[in-house]
Amino acid sequence: MTRANLIEEVSHNLQITRKESEIIVEAIFESMVRSLRAGDKIEIRGFGSFRVRDRRGRIGRNPKTGEQVTVQARRVPYFKPAKELRDLVNHATPGAGLAASAGALESKPAVS
């Protein structure tokens, strides 16, 4: 699923305009990035958690030439799926989403 697909899905499920759903999706992503940059952990129950891991610097090899290269230390985002999501992926019927199986809120038409 791409970002555009996600925006379309939100627009369809919430019965709002594509522009409104784009604003929602972008706001969620921006908020997640800000939290991860600050070193916070993001936990979405039933879905999974995101956090940042620190990787040490090391000596690597260029696979083409075999030459040694220094790989700098860095921070990398890490996602750990929740047990519920793993179970849904492995045992659920196609099209059954997390919200449907968890009994989440139903979509309601937008009020004009």
C-alpha atoms as a PDB file:
ATOM      1  CA  MET A   1       0.000   0.000   0.000  1.00  0.00           C
ATOM      2  CA  THR A   2       1.338   3.410  -0.915  1.00  0.00           C
ATOM      3  CA  ARG A   3       0.706   6.736   0.793  1.00  0.00           C
ATOM      4  CA  ALA A   4      -1.761   7.620  -1.985  1.00  0.00           C
ATOM      5  CA  ASN A   5      -3.603   4.327  -1.436  1.00  0.00           C
ATOM      6  CA  LEU A   6      -3.794   5.033   2.280  1.00  0.00           C
ATOM      7  CA  ILE A   7      -5.184   8.514   1.643  1.00  0.00           C
ATOM      8  CA  GLU A   8      -7.811   7.054  -0.698  1.00  0.00           C
ATOM      9  CA  GLU A   9      -8.736   4.387   1.860  1.00  0.00           C
ATOM     10  CA  VAL A  10      -9.161   6.976   4.639  1.00  0.00           C
ATOM     11  CA  SER A  11     -11.208   9.172   2.320  1.00  0.00           C
ATOM     12  CA  HIS A  12     -13.475   6.276   1.367  1.00  0.00           C
ATOM     13  CA  ASN A  13     -13.901   4.847   4.885  1.00  0.00           C
ATOM     14  CA  LEU A  14     -14.607   8.180   6.561  1.00  0.00           C
ATOM     15  CA  GLN A  15     -16.564   9.580   3.617  1.00  0.00           C
ATOM     16  CA  ILE A  16     -14.538  12.770   3.534  1.00  0.00           C
ATOM     17  CA  THR A  17     -12.772  14.533   0.700  1.00  0.00           C
ATOM     18  CA  ARG A  18      -9.417  13.329  -0.527  1.00  0.00           C
ATOM     19  CA  LYS A  19      -7.838  16.619   0.560  1.00  0.00           C
ATOM     20  CA  GLU A  20      -9.173  16.235   4.110  1.00  0.00           C
ATOM     21  CA  SER A  21      -7.919  12.659   4.331  1.00  0.00           C
ATOM     22  CA  GLU A  22      -4.521  13.754   2.973  1.00  0.00           C
ATOM     23  CA  ILE A  23      -4.257  16.334   5.773  1.00  0.00           C
ATOM     24  CA  ILE A  24      -5.112  13.655   8.365  1.00  0.00           C
ATOM     25  CA  VAL A  25      -2.606  11.112   7.032  1.00  0.00           C
ATOM     26  CA  GLU A  26       0.180  13.703   6.714  1.00  0.00           C
ATOM     27  CA  ALA A  27      -0.481  14.988  10.255  1.00  0.00           C
ATOM     28  CA  ILE A  28      -0.212  11.462  11.652  1.00  0.00           C
ATOM     29  CA  PHE A  29       3.053  10.770   9.806  1.00  0.00           C
ATOM     30  CA  GLU A  30       4.573  14.111  10.821  1.00  0.00           C
ATOM     31  CA  SER A  31       3.617  13.506  14.447  1.00  0.00           C
ATOM     32  CA  MET A  32       5.184  10.037  14.373  1.00  0.00           C
ATOM     33  CA  VAL A  33       8.429  11.353  12.863  1.00  0.00           C
ATOM     34  CA  ARG A  34       8.640  14.134  15.483  1.00  0.00           C
ATOM     35  CA  SER A  35       8.167  11.610  18.285  1.00  0.00           C
ATOM     36  CA  LEU A  36      10.801   9.236  16.918  1.00  0.00           C
ATOM     37  CA  ARG A  37      13.290  12.098  16.419  1.00  0.00           C
ATOM     38  CA  ALA A  38      12.760  13.053  20.064  1.00  0.00           C
ATOM     39  CA  GLY A  39      13.545   9.471  21.082  1.00  0.00           C
ATOM     40  CA  ASP A  40       9.994   8.633  22.126  1.00  0.00           C
ATOM     41  CA  LYS A  41       8.407   5.228  21.596  1.00  0.00           C
ATOM     42  CA  ILE A  42       5.127   5.042  19.670  1.00  0.00           C
ATOM     43  CA  GLU A  43       2.756   2.274  20.715  1.00  0.00           C
ATOM     44  CA  ILE A  44      -0.456   1.575  18.840  1.00  0.00           C
ATOM     45  CA  ARG A  45      -2.238  -1.189  20.718  1.00  0.00           C
ATOM     46  CA  GLY A  46      -3.210  -4.118  18.544  1.00  0.00           C
ATOM     47  CA  PHE A  47      -0.966  -2.870  15.718  1.00  0.00           C
ATOM     48  CA  GLY A  48       2.586  -2.526  17.011  1.00  0.00           C
ATOM     49  CA  SER A  49       5.235  -0.193  18.295  1.00  0.00           C
ATOM     50  CA  PHE A  50       7.835   2.035  16.693  1.00  0.00           C
ATOM     51  CA  ARG A  51      11.080   3.082  18.301  1.00  0.00           C
ATOM     52  CA  VAL A  52      14.569   4.199  17.373  1.00  0.00           C
ATOM     53  CA  ARG A  53      17.543   1.899  17.780  1.00  0.00           C
ATOM     54  CA  ASP A  54      21.138   3.072  17.896  1.00  0.00           C
ATOM     55  CA  ARG A  55      23.555   1.197  15.658  1.00  0.00           C
ATOM     56  CA  ARG A  56      27.252   1.286  16.481  1.00  0.00           C
ATOM     57  CA  GLY A  57      29.809   2.355  13.958  1.00  0.00           C
ATOM     58  CA  ARG A  58      31.730  -0.504  12.362  1.00  0.00           C
ATOM     59  CA  ILE A  59      34.143  -1.472   9.645  1.00  0.00           C
ATOM     60  CA  GLY A  60      32.358  -2.839   6.569  1.00  0.00           C
ATOM     61  CA  ARG A  61      33.438  -3.975   3.142  1.00  0.00           C
ATOM     62  CA  ASN A  62      32.618  -2.645  -0.292  1.00  0.00           C
ATOM     63  CA  PRO A  63      31.108  -5.762  -1.936  1.00  0.00           C
ATOM     64  CA  LYS A  64      32.363  -4.758  -5.373  1.00  0.00           C
ATOM     65  CA  THR A  65      36.004  -4.057  -4.530  1.00  0.00           C
ATOM     66  CA  GLY A  66      36.436  -5.771  -1.158  1.00  0.00           C
ATOM     67  CA  GLU A  67      37.901  -2.526   0.210  1.00  0.00           C
ATOM     68  CA  GLN A  68      37.290  -1.779   3.903  1.00  0.00           C
ATOM     69  CA  VAL A  69      35.030   1.189   4.602  1.00  0.00           C
ATOM     70  CA  THR A  70      33.995   2.869   7.826  1.00  0.00           C
ATOM     71  CA  VAL A  71      30.257   2.743   8.511  1.00  0.00           C
ATOM     72  CA  GLN A  72      29.224   5.588  10.828  1.00  0.00           C
ATOM     73  CA  ALA A  73      27.056   5.069  13.907  1.00  0.00           C
ATOM     74  CA  ARG A  74      23.427   5.939  13.237  1.00  0.00           C
ATOM     75  CA  ARG A  75      19.899   5.815  14.542  1.00  0.00           C
ATOM     76  CA  VAL A  76      17.390   3.630  12.703  1.00  0.00           C
ATOM     77  CA  PRO A  77      13.618   3.328  13.110  1.00  0.00           C
ATOM     78  CA  TYR A  78      12.399  -0.099  14.202  1.00  0.00           C
ATOM     79  CA  PHE A  79       8.869  -1.524  14.077  1.00  0.00           C
ATOM     80  CA  LYS A  80       7.709  -4.421  16.217  1.00  0.00           C
ATOM     81  CA  PRO A  81       4.269  -5.753  15.264  1.00  0.00           C
ATOM     82  CA  ALA A  82       1.787  -6.576  18.017  1.00  0.00           C
ATOM     83  CA  LYS A  83       0.734 -10.178  18.531  1.00  0.00           C
ATOM     84  CA  GLU A  84      -2.770  -9.315  17.333  1.00  0.00           C
ATOM     85  CA  LEU A  85      -1.433  -7.956  14.025  1.00  0.00           C
ATOM     86  CA  ARG A  86       0.804 -10.994  13.525  1.00  0.00           C
ATOM     87  CA  ASP A  87      -2.176 -13.278  14.135  1.00  0.00           C
ATOM     88  CA  LEU A  88      -4.356 -11.320  11.711  1.00  0.00           C
ATOM     89  CA  VAL A  89      -1.699 -11.463   9.003  1.00  0.00           C
ATOM     90  CA  ASN A  90      -1.181 -15.196   9.463  1.00  0.00           C
ATOM     91  CA  HIS A  91      -4.718 -16.415  10.088  1.00  0.00           C
ATOM     92  CA  ALA A  92      -7.276 -13.823   8.984  1.00  0.00           C
ATOM     93  CA  THR A  93      -9.338 -13.939   5.840  1.00  0.00           C
ATOM     94  CA  PRO A  94      -8.359 -11.502   3.072  1.00  0.00           C
ATOM     95  CA  GLY A  95     -10.027  -8.117   3.469  1.00  0.00           C
ATOM     96  CA  ALA A  96     -10.591  -8.514   7.214  1.00  0.00           C
ATOM     97  CA  GLY A  97      -8.897  -5.494   8.726  1.00  0.00           C
ATOM     98  CA  LEU A  98      -7.609  -4.764  12.184  1.00  0.00           C
ATOM     99  CA  ALA A  99     -10.572  -2.493  12.910  1.00  0.00           C
ATOM    100  CA  ALA A 100     -13.118  -5.105  11.867  1.00  0.00           C
ATOM    101  CA  SER A 101     -11.628  -7.849  14.013  1.00  0.00           C
ATOM    102  CA  ALA A 102     -11.028  -5.607  17.011  1.00  0.00           C
ATOM    103  CA  GLY A 103     -14.559  -4.179  16.985  1.00  0.00           C
ATOM    104  CA  ALA A 104     -13.262  -0.640  16.468  1.00  0.00           C
ATOM    105  CA  LEU A 105     -15.374   2.408  15.698  1.00  0.00           C
ATOM    106  CA  GLU A 106     -17.516   2.258  12.608  1.00  0.00           C
ATOM    107  CA  SER A 107     -17.101   4.912   9.950  1.00  0.00           C
ATOM    108  CA  LYS A 108     -19.685   7.616  10.088  1.00  0.00           C
ATOM    109  CA  PRO A 109     -20.678   9.926   7.254  1.00  0.00           C
ATOM    110  CA  ALA A 110     -19.178  13.381   7.367  1.00  0.00           C
ATOM    111  CA  VAL A 111     -21.516  16.127   8.515  1.00  0.00           C
ATOM    112  CA  SER A 112     -21.815  18.979   6.030  1.00  0.00           C
END
